[in-house]
Amino acid sequence: MQGDLDRDTFEGRLLSVVDIGRQCLSQSDLAREFAFNMGIVPSCKENPNGGTFSYSAGHGVENSFTTRVANTSKVSAQFFGTAVKLNKYSDPRTLCLGHPCGVDRSDVENGADVVFSLNATRYLVSDLTPEVIAVSAADLVPRTTVDATTSAGFSLSQSSVQSDAFENDWVEFSAEAKNLSTVARYDLEFRFLNSTNSSPIRVSDQRCTIVGETISDIPIEIDGVIENRGELLCYVEVLIPDQVVSFSYSVEVDTADSFDDSSFLRQLGTVNNIAFPESVVCMPIFPDLISAAAGSDVCARLEGLVPEPERVFDLALKPSIDGSILTVPYIRLFDDSLVSVQFRILVLGEISLELLSFEFIDSALQPEFPSSFSSQGDLEIRMLLLQSTFHDLFLKHVENSDPVRFSDLEIVEI
């Protein structure tokens, strides 16, 4: 039976142990561990039978996004490709990059609604184990982080005292991040990487670790300095508005990249897997004094090839209905701003739409099928698939409605 949390089976067993030492920094995620203890599985793709309920699962869309618990292993990664991990639990009533963040729980095979599942079981789970630390509602601070929708309010830059280097030199880098927004940003994961991610790295900052290709690649530590081949990861719990955080590390140039037979080292910084092109540092690498004297313009030639943040919005995405929820990924407003919106479909004598949630997205995006909302209150929803045929929907804003509602529905087959 779904939701059967038997005291005799589970009492005293719902324990999560997380090592916060430097070697395990990349594995620490209490939100994920607590969710697992409350019957949540990474995704329906990885766990077709679900968790406590069939819908007790994380959610993701291939090469777009995954919710908090969905991309937790290499097994999950094979289902979602290069998707970015958002700091949200699955919930079909909220938005993730123009998509619903979950799937309605009435869908037995694909349902994904972690928020509903956790709310349904939290009191049962709490009753299985005696309270250890008393927590009041006042202690629970809302936590927002940097993701694909908030990265514009964050900066990350890097520099080096060197403009070039010889093979096998140790090159020092400095990185600086700043919260440009008006709210605190929590749970920040910084990654500093290059195209090979196999060069030896040294760092002394206790907030950082070096992750090798396998879990057995454990860093060597001498006098507080760790060294390992792989990828540098640094973690910061919170940055308040206008706060700056800095890191420094060294890379040994024993494996350089090449472009048109010219060797170079190029370091890139990311925050929560969002790439920041302004953090790129490039320098030519020389095998000997003669080649160094001749110089190299390889970095200038690479300038136009600087990696841009991956575009995670599917610009061909069309409106969709899941249960009673209508998701419209792109609505161009009369002031040229762009929003993603969810409506609840109401059938009360006449069909109308009630505004459920919305989020502003980059207005520079150019979706293929944008819907629109005019200053006169006219809402046009384009390319909605109904009974295997695409339709446009036309509605009018109901003045002074609270919550916001749209009526006078007209459906036109395309």
Protein backbone atom coordinates (compact mmCIF):
# COMPACT_ATOMS: atom_id res chain seq x y z
CA MET A 1 0.00 0.00 0.00
CA GLN A 2 1.37 3.42 -0.91
CA GLY A 3 2.36 5.62 2.03
CA ASP A 4 2.61 2.76 4.57
CA LEU A 5 5.18 4.05 7.11
CA ASP A 6 5.23 1.30 9.72
CA ARG A 7 6.71 2.33 13.10
CA ASP A 8 8.10 -1.13 13.87
CA THR A 9 10.00 -1.15 10.58
CA PHE A 10 11.33 2.39 10.45
CA GLU A 11 11.58 3.74 14.03
CA GLY A 12 15.15 4.81 14.78
CA ARG A 13 16.38 3.97 11.27
CA LEU A 14 15.78 7.28 9.49
CA LEU A 15 19.32 8.56 9.90
CA SER A 16 21.40 10.57 7.44
CA VAL A 17 25.17 10.76 7.89
CA VAL A 18 27.02 13.34 5.83
CA ASP A 19 30.81 13.74 6.04
CA ILE A 20 31.58 17.46 5.77
CA GLY A 21 35.34 16.93 5.54
CA ARG A 22 37.19 18.33 2.53
CA GLN A 23 37.30 14.97 0.77
CA CYS A 24 33.49 14.74 0.79
CA LEU A 25 32.53 18.33 0.01
CA SER A 26 31.23 17.38 -3.41
CA GLN A 27 28.93 14.73 -1.92
CA SER A 28 27.20 16.87 0.75
CA ASP A 29 23.52 17.60 0.13
CA LEU A 30 21.31 17.42 3.21
CA ALA A 31 18.17 18.37 1.26
CA ARG A 32 18.67 15.29 -0.89
CA GLU A 33 19.42 13.01 2.08
CA PHE A 34 16.37 14.15 4.04
CA ALA A 35 14.20 13.64 0.96
CA PHE A 36 15.51 10.10 0.51
CA ASN A 37 14.71 9.33 4.15
CA MET A 38 11.15 10.53 3.57
CA GLY A 39 10.56 8.14 0.70
CA ILE A 40 11.73 10.17 -2.32
CA VAL A 41 13.60 8.56 -5.23
CA PRO A 42 15.78 10.43 -7.78
CA SER A 43 13.36 10.08 -10.69
CA CYS A 44 10.77 7.81 -12.27
CA LYS A 45 13.23 7.10 -15.06
CA GLU A 46 15.73 5.63 -12.61
CA ASN A 47 13.11 4.19 -10.22
CA PRO A 48 9.98 3.29 -12.25
CA ASN A 49 8.03 2.16 -9.16
CA GLY A 50 8.46 5.52 -7.41
CA GLY A 51 9.09 5.93 -3.70
CA THR A 52 6.63 6.14 -0.80
CA PHE A 53 4.03 7.01 -3.45
CA SER A 54 4.29 6.48 -7.19
CA TYR A 55 4.85 10.24 -7.59
CA SER A 56 7.49 10.54 -4.81
CA ALA A 57 10.21 11.27 -7.35
CA GLY A 58 12.42 14.03 -8.63
CA HIS A 59 11.90 15.30 -12.16
CA GLY A 60 13.92 16.51 -15.11
CA VAL A 61 13.87 17.29 -18.81
CA GLU A 62 16.75 16.05 -20.92
CA ASN A 63 19.39 18.73 -21.57
CA SER A 64 17.28 21.35 -19.79
CA PHE A 65 16.90 20.94 -16.01
CA THR A 66 16.67 18.52 -13.10
CA THR A 67 15.10 19.18 -9.73
CA ARG A 68 16.96 18.84 -6.45
CA VAL A 69 17.17 15.06 -6.15
CA ALA A 70 16.89 13.98 -9.79
CA ASN A 71 20.51 14.34 -10.92
CA THR A 72 22.37 12.62 -8.10
CA SER A 73 24.32 9.94 -9.89
CA LYS A 74 25.89 8.94 -13.18
CA VAL A 75 22.85 6.72 -13.71
CA SER A 76 20.55 9.76 -13.55
CA ALA A 77 22.90 11.76 -15.77
CA GLN A 78 22.35 9.29 -18.60
CA PHE A 79 18.66 10.18 -18.61
CA PHE A 80 19.01 13.97 -18.41
CA GLY A 81 22.22 14.67 -20.33
CA THR A 82 23.63 18.17 -19.76
CA ALA A 83 20.65 19.38 -17.73
CA VAL A 84 21.40 22.00 -15.06
CA LYS A 85 20.40 21.19 -11.49
CA LEU A 86 17.84 23.62 -10.07
CA ASN A 87 17.43 24.26 -6.36
CA LYS A 88 13.82 23.06 -6.31
CA TYR A 89 11.93 19.92 -5.42
CA SER A 90 9.63 18.56 -8.13
CA ASP A 91 6.22 20.26 -8.13
CA PRO A 92 3.96 20.41 -11.21
CA ARG A 93 2.43 23.66 -9.91
CA THR A 94 5.69 25.61 -10.28
CA LEU A 95 7.90 26.51 -13.23
CA CYS A 96 11.37 25.31 -14.21
CA LEU A 97 12.82 27.08 -17.27
CA GLY A 98 9.43 27.20 -18.98
CA HIS A 99 8.49 23.61 -18.09
CA PRO A 100 6.38 22.38 -15.19
CA CYS A 101 8.75 21.38 -12.37
CA GLY A 102 6.97 18.03 -12.05
CA VAL A 103 4.22 15.78 -13.35
CA ASP A 104 0.69 15.54 -11.94
CA ARG A 105 0.44 12.77 -9.35
CA SER A 106 -2.54 11.24 -11.17
CA ASP A 107 -0.01 9.99 -13.75
CA VAL A 108 0.95 6.65 -12.16
CA GLU A 109 3.92 5.99 -14.47
CA ASN A 110 5.48 9.47 -14.66
CA GLY A 111 4.10 11.37 -11.67
CA ALA A 112 6.66 13.60 -9.92
CA ASP A 113 5.51 15.74 -7.00
CA VAL A 114 8.06 15.70 -4.18
CA VAL A 115 6.51 18.78 -2.52
CA PHE A 116 3.13 17.07 -2.11
CA SER A 117 4.76 13.81 -0.98
CA LEU A 118 6.90 15.48 1.70
CA ASN A 119 3.93 17.46 3.00
CA ALA A 120 1.83 14.29 3.11
CA THR A 121 4.36 12.28 5.12
CA ARG A 122 6.19 14.85 7.25
CA TYR A 123 4.13 14.32 10.41
CA LEU A 124 4.27 10.54 10.09
CA VAL A 125 8.03 10.61 9.60
CA SER A 126 8.49 13.08 12.46
CA ASP A 127 6.57 10.76 14.77
CA LEU A 128 8.86 7.80 13.99
CA THR A 129 11.86 9.31 15.77
CA PRO A 130 11.94 11.50 18.90
CA GLU A 131 12.77 15.17 18.33
CA VAL A 132 16.48 15.86 18.76
CA ILE A 133 16.71 19.62 18.18
CA ALA A 134 13.67 21.83 18.63
CA VAL A 135 13.11 24.07 15.59
CA SER A 136 10.48 26.79 15.29
CA ALA A 137 9.10 28.37 12.13
CA ALA A 138 11.13 31.51 12.92
CA ASP A 139 14.33 29.46 12.55
CA LEU A 140 13.54 28.48 8.97
CA VAL A 141 15.01 31.14 6.67
CA PRO A 142 14.01 31.06 2.96
CA ARG A 143 17.07 30.07 0.94
CA THR A 144 17.58 31.20 -2.65
CA THR A 145 20.59 30.21 -4.70
CA VAL A 146 22.22 30.90 -8.08
CA ASP A 147 20.62 29.00 -10.95
CA ALA A 148 19.78 29.54 -14.60
CA THR A 149 17.07 32.07 -13.70
CA THR A 150 19.09 34.14 -11.17
CA SER A 151 22.66 34.06 -12.51
CA ALA A 152 22.39 37.61 -13.93
CA GLY A 153 22.57 38.88 -10.35
CA PHE A 154 25.93 37.26 -9.71
CA SER A 155 29.48 37.82 -10.98
CA LEU A 156 32.54 35.58 -11.12
CA SER A 157 35.94 36.66 -12.42
CA GLN A 158 39.44 35.16 -12.48
CA SER A 159 42.95 36.46 -12.99
CA SER A 160 46.58 35.31 -12.95
CA VAL A 161 49.81 37.22 -12.36
CA GLN A 162 51.22 35.37 -15.38
CA SER A 163 50.33 36.05 -18.99
CA ASP A 164 52.03 32.89 -20.28
CA ALA A 165 53.85 29.84 -18.91
CA PHE A 166 56.26 27.03 -19.73
CA GLU A 167 55.30 23.39 -19.69
CA ASN A 168 55.27 21.94 -16.15
CA ASP A 169 55.11 25.41 -14.54
CA TRP A 170 52.81 25.95 -11.58
CA VAL A 171 50.45 28.83 -12.45
CA GLU A 172 48.63 30.74 -9.72
CA PHE A 173 45.04 31.86 -10.19
CA SER A 174 42.79 34.14 -8.15
CA ALA A 175 38.99 34.12 -8.38
CA GLU A 176 36.47 36.61 -7.01
CA ALA A 177 32.69 36.25 -6.83
CA LYS A 178 30.16 38.90 -5.85
CA ASN A 179 26.45 38.82 -5.11
CA LEU A 180 25.00 41.67 -7.19
CA SER A 181 21.39 40.97 -6.23
CA THR A 182 19.34 42.38 -3.37
CA VAL A 183 18.82 39.01 -1.65
CA ALA A 184 21.18 36.52 -0.04
CA ARG A 185 22.31 33.57 -2.18
CA TYR A 186 22.79 30.22 -0.41
CA ASP A 187 24.41 26.88 -1.22
CA LEU A 188 26.97 28.01 -3.80
CA GLU A 189 29.13 25.44 -5.57
CA PHE A 190 32.10 26.91 -7.46
CA ARG A 191 33.94 24.82 -10.04
CA PHE A 192 37.20 25.83 -11.69
CA LEU A 193 38.07 23.69 -14.67
CA ASN A 194 39.81 23.48 -18.03
CA SER A 195 39.33 21.31 -21.10
CA THR A 196 41.33 18.37 -19.74
CA ASN A 197 40.58 18.52 -16.00
CA SER A 198 43.53 16.21 -15.50
CA SER A 199 46.23 18.69 -14.42
CA PRO A 200 47.53 18.63 -10.83
CA ILE A 201 45.95 21.34 -8.66
CA ARG A 202 46.99 22.72 -5.27
CA VAL A 203 44.72 24.61 -2.88
CA SER A 204 44.87 25.45 0.83
CA ASP A 205 41.37 26.96 1.25
CA GLN A 206 39.33 24.81 3.66
CA ARG A 207 36.20 25.53 1.59
CA CYS A 208 37.68 23.72 -1.39
CA THR A 209 38.49 20.19 -2.48
CA ILE A 210 39.79 18.57 -5.67
CA VAL A 211 37.63 15.87 -7.21
CA GLY A 212 39.37 13.24 -9.33
CA GLU A 213 37.82 11.13 -12.04
CA THR A 214 37.01 8.33 -9.57
CA ILE A 215 36.15 8.32 -5.87
CA SER A 216 39.46 6.56 -5.17
CA ASP A 217 41.40 9.63 -6.37
CA ILE A 218 41.90 11.08 -2.88
CA PRO A 219 43.91 14.33 -2.58
CA ILE A 220 47.31 14.35 -0.89
CA GLU A 221 47.45 16.83 2.01
CA ILE A 222 50.67 18.35 3.37
CA ASP A 223 50.66 21.24 5.86
CA GLY A 224 47.09 22.18 5.01
CA VAL A 225 47.69 22.19 1.22
CA ILE A 226 45.92 19.50 -0.81
CA GLU A 227 47.03 18.32 -4.25
CA ASN A 228 45.25 16.12 -6.74
CA ARG A 229 44.54 15.77 -10.44
CA GLY A 230 41.02 16.71 -11.41
CA GLU A 231 38.49 19.46 -10.87
CA LEU A 232 38.58 22.14 -8.17
CA LEU A 233 35.34 22.55 -6.21
CA CYS A 234 34.73 25.23 -3.57
CA TYR A 235 31.61 25.67 -1.44
CA VAL A 236 30.16 28.76 0.22
CA GLU A 237 27.04 28.55 2.36
CA VAL A 238 25.81 32.11 1.83
CA LEU A 239 26.70 35.44 0.20
CA ILE A 240 24.65 38.43 1.32
CA PRO A 241 23.99 41.32 -1.13
CA ASP A 242 27.22 43.05 -2.26
CA GLN A 243 29.37 40.51 -0.40
CA VAL A 244 32.55 39.31 -2.15
CA VAL A 245 34.28 35.95 -1.74
CA SER A 246 37.75 35.08 -3.06
CA PHE A 247 39.65 31.88 -3.83
CA SER A 248 43.24 31.19 -4.89
CA TYR A 249 44.76 28.01 -6.29
CA SER A 250 47.60 26.74 -8.50
CA VAL A 251 47.58 24.52 -11.60
CA GLU A 252 50.57 22.57 -12.94
CA VAL A 253 50.71 22.79 -16.73
CA ASP A 254 51.63 19.20 -17.51
CA THR A 255 48.77 18.69 -19.98
CA ALA A 256 48.02 21.73 -22.15
CA ASP A 257 45.31 22.03 -24.80
CA SER A 258 46.16 23.03 -28.37
CA PHE A 259 44.62 25.07 -31.18
CA ASP A 260 46.24 25.20 -34.65
CA ASP A 261 49.35 23.54 -33.12
CA SER A 262 49.62 26.28 -30.46
CA SER A 263 49.45 25.17 -26.80
CA PHE A 264 47.40 27.05 -24.22
CA LEU A 265 45.79 26.76 -20.80
CA ARG A 266 42.31 28.17 -20.33
CA GLN A 267 40.52 28.14 -16.97
CA LEU A 268 36.76 28.63 -16.64
CA GLY A 269 34.67 29.19 -13.51
CA THR A 270 31.10 28.02 -12.90
CA VAL A 271 28.59 28.56 -10.09
CA ASN A 272 26.08 25.75 -9.54
CA ASN A 273 27.02 24.49 -13.02
CA ILE A 274 26.26 27.87 -14.65
CA ALA A 275 29.27 28.97 -16.74
CA PHE A 276 30.52 32.57 -16.39
CA PRO A 277 32.41 33.56 -19.59
CA GLU A 278 33.96 36.60 -17.84
CA SER A 279 35.83 34.17 -15.58
CA VAL A 280 37.87 32.70 -18.46
CA VAL A 281 41.65 33.14 -18.17
CA CYS A 282 43.75 32.07 -21.15
CA MET A 283 47.52 31.93 -21.53
CA PRO A 284 49.86 30.42 -24.15
CA ILE A 285 52.06 27.52 -23.02
CA PHE A 286 55.62 27.21 -24.41
CA PRO A 287 57.84 24.11 -24.55
CA ASP A 288 61.12 26.06 -24.50
CA LEU A 289 62.76 29.52 -24.44
CA ILE A 290 62.96 29.85 -28.22
CA SER A 291 59.22 29.38 -28.72
CA ALA A 292 58.53 31.75 -25.83
CA ALA A 293 60.68 34.43 -27.45
CA ALA A 294 58.69 34.05 -30.67
CA GLY A 295 55.45 34.59 -28.72
CA SER A 296 51.93 33.33 -29.49
CA ASP A 297 48.57 34.90 -30.30
CA VAL A 298 46.62 31.71 -29.62
CA CYS A 299 44.46 33.31 -26.92
CA ALA A 300 43.52 36.19 -29.21
CA ARG A 301 42.48 33.67 -31.85
CA LEU A 302 40.45 31.81 -29.24
CA GLU A 303 38.67 34.91 -27.99
CA GLY A 304 35.64 34.39 -30.21
CA LEU A 305 35.45 30.79 -29.05
CA VAL A 306 35.05 31.56 -25.35
CA PRO A 307 32.40 29.21 -23.97
CA GLU A 308 29.04 30.85 -23.42
CA PRO A 309 26.61 29.74 -20.73
CA GLU A 310 24.61 26.82 -22.10
CA ARG A 311 21.19 27.91 -23.33
CA VAL A 312 18.89 25.72 -21.27
CA PHE A 313 15.60 27.22 -22.49
CA ASP A 314 13.97 25.22 -25.28
CA LEU A 315 12.88 28.02 -27.59
CA ALA A 316 10.62 25.64 -29.54
CA LEU A 317 8.65 24.72 -26.42
CA LYS A 318 4.85 24.97 -26.76
CA PRO A 319 2.07 25.30 -24.16
CA SER A 320 0.93 22.07 -22.51
CA ILE A 321 -1.80 20.77 -20.20
CA ASP A 322 -1.17 18.37 -17.31
CA GLY A 323 -4.31 17.60 -15.34
CA SER A 324 -5.97 20.95 -14.64
CA ILE A 325 -2.70 22.91 -15.04
CA LEU A 326 -1.94 24.82 -18.25
CA THR A 327 1.72 25.76 -18.64
CA VAL A 328 2.61 28.50 -21.11
CA PRO A 329 6.42 28.67 -21.43
CA TYR A 330 6.61 32.07 -23.12
CA ILE A 331 4.25 35.05 -22.94
CA ARG A 332 5.47 38.36 -24.36
CA LEU A 333 3.95 41.20 -22.35
CA PHE A 334 2.99 44.58 -23.76
CA ASP A 335 6.18 46.16 -22.30
CA ASP A 336 8.29 43.55 -24.19
CA SER A 337 9.20 41.61 -21.04
CA LEU A 338 8.94 37.81 -21.18
CA VAL A 339 7.35 35.49 -18.62
CA SER A 340 6.60 31.81 -18.12
CA VAL A 341 3.14 31.25 -16.65
CA GLN A 342 1.00 28.50 -15.17
CA PHE A 343 -2.80 28.69 -15.09
CA ARG A 344 -5.39 26.54 -13.36
CA ILE A 345 -8.25 25.59 -15.69
CA LEU A 346 -11.59 26.32 -14.03
CA VAL A 347 -14.92 24.95 -15.20
CA LEU A 348 -17.59 26.94 -13.35
CA GLY A 349 -20.39 27.40 -15.82
CA GLU A 350 -17.82 28.65 -18.33
CA ILE A 351 -14.18 27.74 -18.86
CA SER A 352 -11.74 30.29 -17.47
CA LEU A 353 -8.07 30.43 -16.46
CA GLU A 354 -6.82 31.36 -13.00
CA LEU A 355 -3.24 32.60 -12.65
CA LEU A 356 -1.33 30.05 -10.57
CA SER A 357 2.35 31.05 -10.85
CA PHE A 358 4.70 33.00 -13.09
CA GLU A 359 8.36 33.92 -13.42
CA PHE A 360 10.16 36.56 -15.45
CA ILE A 361 12.83 35.25 -17.82
CA ASP A 362 15.40 36.88 -20.08
CA SER A 363 13.49 39.21 -22.42
CA ALA A 364 16.24 38.82 -25.04
CA LEU A 365 15.14 35.23 -25.69
CA GLN A 366 13.36 34.74 -28.99
CA PRO A 367 10.96 31.79 -28.65
CA GLU A 368 9.49 30.30 -31.81
CA PHE A 369 5.87 30.35 -30.59
CA PRO A 370 5.46 33.17 -28.07
CA SER A 371 2.03 33.85 -26.63
CA SER A 372 1.13 37.45 -25.86
CA PHE A 373 -0.67 39.73 -23.40
CA SER A 374 -1.71 43.23 -24.46
CA SER A 375 -2.17 46.42 -22.45
CA GLN A 376 -5.93 46.09 -23.15
CA GLY A 377 -6.03 42.78 -21.26
CA ASP A 378 -6.11 40.46 -24.28
CA LEU A 379 -4.37 37.12 -23.74
CA GLU A 380 -3.42 34.99 -26.75
CA ILE A 381 -2.05 31.50 -26.12
CA ARG A 382 -0.48 30.03 -29.23
CA MET A 383 0.06 26.45 -30.37
CA LEU A 384 -1.73 24.44 -27.68
CA LEU A 385 -2.17 20.81 -28.67
CA LEU A 386 -5.79 19.69 -28.17
CA GLN A 387 -7.10 16.37 -29.55
CA SER A 388 -4.01 15.93 -31.77
CA THR A 389 -4.46 19.36 -33.38
CA PHE A 390 -2.84 22.70 -32.55
CA HIS A 391 -5.10 25.55 -31.46
CA ASP A 392 -4.78 29.20 -30.47
CA LEU A 393 -6.69 30.39 -27.39
CA PHE A 394 -8.01 33.94 -26.93
CA LEU A 395 -9.17 35.25 -23.53
CA LYS A 396 -9.86 38.54 -21.73
CA HIS A 397 -8.54 39.62 -18.35
CA VAL A 398 -11.30 39.85 -15.75
CA GLU A 399 -10.84 43.27 -14.16
CA ASN A 400 -10.25 43.40 -10.39
CA SER A 401 -10.20 39.60 -10.17
CA ASP A 402 -8.24 38.15 -7.24
CA PRO A 403 -6.63 35.77 -7.95
CA VAL A 404 -6.11 37.01 -11.50
CA ARG A 405 -8.52 35.34 -13.92
CA PHE A 406 -9.12 35.25 -17.67
CA SER A 407 -12.48 34.43 -19.31
CA ASP A 408 -14.43 34.79 -22.60
CA LEU A 409 -12.52 31.84 -24.05
CA GLU A 410 -12.36 31.48 -27.82
CA ILE A 411 -10.57 28.45 -29.33
CA VAL A 412 -9.36 28.59 -32.93
CA GLU A 413 -7.99 25.54 -34.71
CA ILE A 414 -4.80 26.26 -36.66
